[in-house]
Protein backbone atom coordinates (compact mmCIF):
# COMPACT_ATOMS: atom_id res chain seq x y z
CA MET A 1 0.35 0.17 0.09
CA LYS A 2 1.40 3.48 -0.99
CA ALA A 3 0.34 7.00 0.28
CA ASP A 4 1.03 10.30 -0.92
CA TYR A 5 -0.07 13.32 1.37
CA ASP A 6 -0.40 16.66 -1.51
CA SER A 7 0.12 19.80 1.02
CA GLU A 8 -1.26 22.35 -1.51
CA GLY A 9 -4.46 20.38 -2.15
CA ASP A 10 -4.66 19.04 1.01
CA THR A 11 -5.23 15.54 0.02
CA ILE A 12 -3.81 12.08 0.11
CA GLN A 13 -3.68 9.45 -1.80
CA ILE A 14 -3.62 5.59 -0.69
CA GLU A 15 -3.01 3.33 -3.23
CA LEU A 16 -4.22 -0.47 -2.49
CA GLU A 17 -2.30 -1.85 -5.85
CA THR A 18 -0.31 0.16 -8.66
CA VAL A 19 -2.89 0.50 -11.63
CA GLU A 20 -2.51 2.18 -15.12
CA ARG A 21 -5.80 3.32 -15.34
CA LEU A 22 -9.07 3.96 -13.24
CA ASP A 23 -12.67 3.05 -14.74
CA PHE A 24 -14.79 4.75 -12.19
CA GLY A 25 -14.87 6.25 -8.53
CA GLU A 26 -17.39 6.57 -5.79
CA GLU A 27 -17.93 9.59 -3.24
CA VAL A 28 -18.29 8.50 0.00
CA GLU A 29 -19.03 10.87 3.10
CA ASN A 30 -20.33 13.71 1.14
CA GLY A 31 -17.25 13.34 -0.85
CA ALA A 32 -15.01 13.51 2.05
CA VAL A 33 -13.33 10.17 0.21
CA VAL A 34 -13.68 8.98 -3.00
CA VAL A 35 -12.64 4.94 -3.66
CA HIS A 36 -11.62 4.79 -7.60
CA PHE A 37 -12.03 0.71 -8.95
CA LEU A 38 -10.88 -0.70 -11.87
CA GLU A 39 -12.71 -3.81 -12.86
CA ASN A 40 -14.86 -3.48 -10.15
CA ARG A 41 -12.43 -3.33 -7.29
CA PRO A 42 -11.12 -0.70 -5.46
CA VAL A 43 -7.51 0.35 -5.84
CA VAL A 44 -7.17 3.56 -4.93
CA VAL A 45 -8.90 5.79 -2.49
CA ASP A 46 -8.41 9.32 -2.06
CA VAL A 47 -8.88 11.84 1.37
CA ILE A 48 -10.13 14.76 0.18
CA GLY A 49 -9.11 17.72 2.68
CA THR A 50 -7.77 16.43 5.90
CA GLY A 51 -8.49 19.24 8.20
CA ALA A 52 -11.58 17.67 9.45
CA ASP A 53 -11.90 13.68 11.31
CA PHE A 54 -10.49 11.80 8.11
CA ALA A 55 -11.08 8.47 10.15
CA ARG A 56 -14.75 8.52 10.53
CA PRO A 57 -14.90 8.77 5.99
CA LEU A 58 -12.44 5.95 5.78
CA GLN A 59 -14.18 3.86 8.30
CA VAL A 60 -17.25 4.12 6.07
CA ALA A 61 -15.46 3.52 2.81
CA ALA A 62 -13.49 0.14 4.34
CA ALA A 63 -16.88 -0.74 5.67
CA ARG A 64 -18.86 -0.40 2.50
CA TYR A 65 -16.10 -1.72 0.28
CA ASP A 66 -14.95 -4.40 2.36
CA LEU A 67 -11.12 -2.52 3.62
CA ASP A 68 -9.27 -2.87 5.92
CA ALA A 69 -10.48 0.27 8.02
CA GLU A 70 -7.09 0.53 10.29
CA ALA A 71 -4.66 -0.01 7.47
CA LEU A 72 -6.30 2.98 5.57
CA ILE A 73 -6.20 4.73 8.63
CA ALA A 74 -2.51 3.85 9.19
CA ALA A 75 -1.40 4.92 5.31
CA ALA A 76 -3.23 8.32 5.82
CA ARG A 77 -1.69 8.91 9.33
CA ALA A 78 1.71 8.51 7.71
CA ALA A 79 1.51 10.59 4.48
CA LEU A 80 0.69 13.25 6.74
CA ALA A 81 3.65 12.51 8.72
CA ALA A 82 6.03 12.75 5.47
CA PRO A 83 3.69 15.46 3.34
CA ASP A 84 4.38 15.30 -0.52
CA ARG A 85 6.29 11.96 -0.45
CA ALA A 86 5.65 8.83 -1.07
CA VAL A 87 5.08 6.19 2.04
CA THR A 88 5.01 2.85 1.82
CA LEU A 89 3.01 0.30 4.24
CA ASP A 90 3.54 -3.35 4.00
CA VAL A 91 0.30 -4.15 5.57
CA ALA A 92 0.01 -8.67 6.81
CA VAL A 93 -3.09 -10.31 8.31
CA ARG A 94 -2.80 -10.78 11.87
CA THR A 95 -1.92 -14.16 13.03
CA ALA A 96 -2.89 -16.18 16.00
CA ALA A 97 -1.07 -15.90 18.87
């Protein structure tokens, strides 16, 4: 997963997978988040504006599209910590202890 915070545009783009194109996007939570699809699977999540609490719209998007809310929020926070640079996260499935 790769995330990038554009400080000028105040947007975060989270790439779930690297793709050459996008087929369409759907707004979540009144446009606070846009989920982009390729062949009917979510591949990119855009957070529009970071001034408000962006965790809730990401949780709503995760629930709607069967995504990992914790990973999305972690990616967004990592991107904010390193503005205007791509941050890569390796998110693995949690194993039982």
